Amino acid sequence: MAFFAAASAKPVVREMLDVWAPTIISPNASTVWTEGQKYNVTWDTSNAPANISNGASVVLGENGDLTETGIGFDLRQGWVTVTCPSDLTPGDFYSIVLFGDSGDQSDQFSIVEPSSDGILGLLA
């Protein structure tokens, strides 16, 4: 009984995380991604609080549908490399949602199919 009393008297300390929704820099409204290619998603870390999540994720949004493209990185780094899925419908209605302590959504941008001559992929 004395052991139980001593163990239960110890306070539980949990680190409080600040809610932070960093501004996504890229992709933006002028961005064009090509299916199957790798891209950096970047966000502003200049106002990052001291206590933020290190288990963030990036998802690609398409008219409300979300596809996970990156998971488990530290928000403090300000970027993550993702691969654009290759089974999408081309269009200009895509956005990136960055989840961590909170969520932030990029401007809508375009995703195109790879061209058969490879030039379009080099321009993206």
C-alpha atoms as a PDB file:
ATOM      1  CA  MET A   1       0.000   0.000   0.000  1.00  0.00           C
ATOM      2  CA  ALA A   2       2.880   2.381   0.770  1.00  0.00           C
ATOM      3  CA  PHE A   3       4.384   1.648  -2.685  1.00  0.00           C
ATOM      4  CA  PHE A   4       1.111   2.534  -4.391  1.00  0.00           C
ATOM      5  CA  ALA A   5       0.822   5.803  -2.474  1.00  0.00           C
ATOM      6  CA  ALA A   6       4.379   6.805  -3.347  1.00  0.00           C
ATOM      7  CA  ALA A   7       3.970   5.925  -7.042  1.00  0.00           C
ATOM      8  CA  SER A   8       0.668   7.685  -7.419  1.00  0.00           C
ATOM      9  CA  ALA A   9       1.952  10.848  -5.726  1.00  0.00           C
ATOM     10  CA  LYS A  10       4.330  11.489  -8.634  1.00  0.00           C
ATOM     11  CA  PRO A  11       2.798  14.099 -10.966  1.00  0.00           C
ATOM     12  CA  VAL A  12       2.392  13.330 -14.649  1.00  0.00           C
ATOM     13  CA  VAL A  13       4.086  16.016 -16.740  1.00  0.00           C
ATOM     14  CA  ARG A  14       3.161  16.311 -20.383  1.00  0.00           C
ATOM     15  CA  GLU A  15       4.780  18.719 -22.788  1.00  0.00           C
ATOM     16  CA  MET A  16       2.283  21.217 -24.128  1.00  0.00           C
ATOM     17  CA  LEU A  17       2.545  21.812 -27.851  1.00  0.00           C
ATOM     18  CA  ASP A  18       1.818  25.209 -29.318  1.00  0.00           C
ATOM     19  CA  VAL A  19      -0.708  25.313 -32.133  1.00  0.00           C
ATOM     20  CA  TRP A  20       1.055  26.498 -35.268  1.00  0.00           C
ATOM     21  CA  ALA A  21      -0.153  26.648 -38.852  1.00  0.00           C
ATOM     22  CA  PRO A  22       2.891  27.692 -40.914  1.00  0.00           C
ATOM     23  CA  THR A  23       2.352  29.491 -44.194  1.00  0.00           C
ATOM     24  CA  ILE A  24       3.006  27.235 -47.174  1.00  0.00           C
ATOM     25  CA  ILE A  25       5.369  28.898 -49.642  1.00  0.00           C
ATOM     26  CA  SER A  26       5.435  26.235 -52.331  1.00  0.00           C
ATOM     27  CA  PRO A  27       3.426  25.007 -54.112  1.00  0.00           C
ATOM     28  CA  ASN A  28       1.562  28.220 -54.907  1.00  0.00           C
ATOM     29  CA  ALA A  29      -0.977  29.368 -57.508  1.00  0.00           C
ATOM     30  CA  SER A  30       1.624  29.453 -60.316  1.00  0.00           C
ATOM     31  CA  THR A  31       3.010  25.969 -59.582  1.00  0.00           C
ATOM     32  CA  VAL A  32       2.673  23.123 -62.093  1.00  0.00           C
ATOM     33  CA  TRP A  33       3.600  19.596 -61.027  1.00  0.00           C
ATOM     34  CA  THR A  34       3.987  16.617 -63.360  1.00  0.00           C
ATOM     35  CA  GLU A  35       2.647  13.245 -62.243  1.00  0.00           C
ATOM     36  CA  GLY A  36       5.335  10.899 -60.940  1.00  0.00           C
ATOM     37  CA  GLN A  37       7.949  13.631 -60.316  1.00  0.00           C
ATOM     38  CA  LYS A  38       9.471  14.678 -56.967  1.00  0.00           C
ATOM     39  CA  TYR A  39       8.911  18.159 -55.549  1.00  0.00           C
ATOM     40  CA  ASN A  40       9.758  20.104 -52.416  1.00  0.00           C
ATOM     41  CA  VAL A  41       6.877  21.402 -50.351  1.00  0.00           C
ATOM     42  CA  THR A  42       8.167  24.416 -48.390  1.00  0.00           C
ATOM     43  CA  TRP A  43       6.751  26.526 -45.584  1.00  0.00           C
ATOM     44  CA  ASP A  44       7.787  29.551 -43.522  1.00  0.00           C
ATOM     45  CA  THR A  45       9.460  28.634 -40.220  1.00  0.00           C
ATOM     46  CA  SER A  46      10.341  32.188 -39.132  1.00  0.00           C
ATOM     47  CA  ASN A  47       7.604  32.304 -36.480  1.00  0.00           C
ATOM     48  CA  ALA A  48       7.819  28.694 -35.262  1.00  0.00           C
ATOM     49  CA  PRO A  49       7.035  28.302 -31.549  1.00  0.00           C
ATOM     50  CA  ALA A  50       9.382  26.396 -29.230  1.00  0.00           C
ATOM     51  CA  ASN A  51       7.086  23.407 -28.678  1.00  0.00           C
ATOM     52  CA  ILE A  52       5.799  22.014 -31.946  1.00  0.00           C
ATOM     53  CA  SER A  53       5.084  18.562 -33.302  1.00  0.00           C
ATOM     54  CA  ASN A  54       7.773  16.457 -34.921  1.00  0.00           C
ATOM     55  CA  GLY A  55       5.289  14.068 -36.470  1.00  0.00           C
ATOM     56  CA  ALA A  56       3.948  16.179 -39.307  1.00  0.00           C
ATOM     57  CA  SER A  57       2.402  15.008 -42.552  1.00  0.00           C
ATOM     58  CA  VAL A  58       1.701  16.443 -45.992  1.00  0.00           C
ATOM     59  CA  VAL A  59      -1.325  15.466 -48.006  1.00  0.00           C
ATOM     60  CA  LEU A  60      -2.379  16.321 -51.536  1.00  0.00           C
ATOM     61  CA  GLY A  61      -5.927  17.629 -51.750  1.00  0.00           C
ATOM     62  CA  GLU A  62      -8.151  17.269 -54.802  1.00  0.00           C
ATOM     63  CA  ASN A  63     -11.566  18.906 -54.480  1.00  0.00           C
ATOM     64  CA  GLY A  64     -11.793  17.800 -50.841  1.00  0.00           C
ATOM     65  CA  ASP A  65     -10.261  14.325 -51.296  1.00  0.00           C
ATOM     66  CA  LEU A  66      -6.902  13.864 -49.549  1.00  0.00           C
ATOM     67  CA  THR A  67      -3.987  11.600 -50.484  1.00  0.00           C
ATOM     68  CA  GLU A  68      -1.081  11.266 -48.048  1.00  0.00           C
ATOM     69  CA  THR A  69       2.256  12.023 -49.694  1.00  0.00           C
ATOM     70  CA  GLY A  70       4.673  12.534 -46.792  1.00  0.00           C
ATOM     71  CA  ILE A  71       4.601  11.640 -43.089  1.00  0.00           C
ATOM     72  CA  GLY A  72       6.705  11.744 -39.931  1.00  0.00           C
ATOM     73  CA  PHE A  73       8.997  14.737 -40.454  1.00  0.00           C
ATOM     74  CA  ASP A  74       9.891  17.680 -38.202  1.00  0.00           C
ATOM     75  CA  LEU A  75       7.976  20.885 -38.969  1.00  0.00           C
ATOM     76  CA  ARG A  76      11.051  22.931 -38.000  1.00  0.00           C
ATOM     77  CA  GLN A  77      12.924  21.883 -41.168  1.00  0.00           C
ATOM     78  CA  GLY A  78      10.663  23.999 -43.393  1.00  0.00           C
ATOM     79  CA  TRP A  79      10.443  21.560 -46.303  1.00  0.00           C
ATOM     80  CA  VAL A  80       9.788  17.973 -47.276  1.00  0.00           C
ATOM     81  CA  THR A  81      10.243  16.188 -50.600  1.00  0.00           C
ATOM     82  CA  VAL A  82       7.168  14.408 -51.942  1.00  0.00           C
ATOM     83  CA  THR A  83       6.403  12.430 -55.082  1.00  0.00           C
ATOM     84  CA  CYS A  84       3.397  13.556 -57.062  1.00  0.00           C
ATOM     85  CA  PRO A  85       1.134  10.515 -57.511  1.00  0.00           C
ATOM     86  CA  SER A  86       0.946   9.207 -61.066  1.00  0.00           C
ATOM     87  CA  ASP A  87      -2.691   8.127 -61.084  1.00  0.00           C
ATOM     88  CA  LEU A  88      -4.348  11.542 -60.909  1.00  0.00           C
ATOM     89  CA  THR A  89      -6.745  13.423 -63.116  1.00  0.00           C
ATOM     90  CA  PRO A  90      -4.863  16.407 -64.558  1.00  0.00           C
ATOM     91  CA  GLY A  91      -6.256  19.748 -63.453  1.00  0.00           C
ATOM     92  CA  ASP A  92      -5.772  23.018 -61.630  1.00  0.00           C
ATOM     93  CA  PHE A  93      -7.725  22.129 -58.484  1.00  0.00           C
ATOM     94  CA  TYR A  94      -4.995  20.581 -56.317  1.00  0.00           C
ATOM     95  CA  SER A  95      -3.614  21.878 -53.032  1.00  0.00           C
ATOM     96  CA  ILE A  96      -1.225  20.722 -50.327  1.00  0.00           C
ATOM     97  CA  VAL A  97      -2.364  20.448 -46.726  1.00  0.00           C
ATOM     98  CA  LEU A  98       0.353  20.493 -44.064  1.00  0.00           C
ATOM     99  CA  PHE A  99      -0.637  18.791 -40.796  1.00  0.00           C
ATOM    100  CA  GLY A 100       1.282  18.971 -37.524  1.00  0.00           C
ATOM    101  CA  ASP A 101      -0.044  20.823 -34.527  1.00  0.00           C
ATOM    102  CA  SER A 102      -2.613  22.388 -36.829  1.00  0.00           C
ATOM    103  CA  GLY A 103      -3.294  22.377 -40.552  1.00  0.00           C
ATOM    104  CA  ASP A 104      -2.570  24.832 -43.316  1.00  0.00           C
ATOM    105  CA  GLN A 105      -3.538  24.628 -46.969  1.00  0.00           C
ATOM    106  CA  SER A 106      -1.635  25.909 -49.988  1.00  0.00           C
ATOM    107  CA  ASP A 107      -3.092  27.831 -52.890  1.00  0.00           C
ATOM    108  CA  GLN A 108      -4.597  25.642 -55.594  1.00  0.00           C
ATOM    109  CA  PHE A 109      -2.099  24.614 -58.269  1.00  0.00           C
ATOM    110  CA  SER A 110      -1.967  22.455 -61.390  1.00  0.00           C
ATOM    111  CA  ILE A 111      -0.927  18.864 -61.973  1.00  0.00           C
ATOM    112  CA  VAL A 112      -0.306  17.642 -65.515  1.00  0.00           C
ATOM    113  CA  GLU A 113       0.407  14.271 -67.117  1.00  0.00           C
ATOM    114  CA  PRO A 114       3.958  13.594 -68.253  1.00  0.00           C
ATOM    115  CA  SER A 115       4.351  14.462 -71.916  1.00  0.00           C
ATOM    116  CA  SER A 116       5.449  11.798 -74.333  1.00  0.00           C
ATOM    117  CA  ASP A 117       8.459  13.868 -75.435  1.00  0.00           C
ATOM    118  CA  GLY A 118       9.678  14.550 -71.872  1.00  0.00           C
ATOM    119  CA  ILE A 119       9.942  18.327 -72.351  1.00  0.00           C
ATOM    120  CA  LEU A 120       6.999  19.185 -70.120  1.00  0.00           C
ATOM    121  CA  GLY A 121       8.516  17.195 -67.255  1.00  0.00           C
ATOM    122  CA  LEU A 122      11.736  19.184 -67.537  1.00  0.00           C
ATOM    123  CA  LEU A 123       9.897  22.498 -67.378  1.00  0.00           C
ATOM    124  CA  ALA A 124       7.979  21.685 -64.164  1.00  0.00           C
END
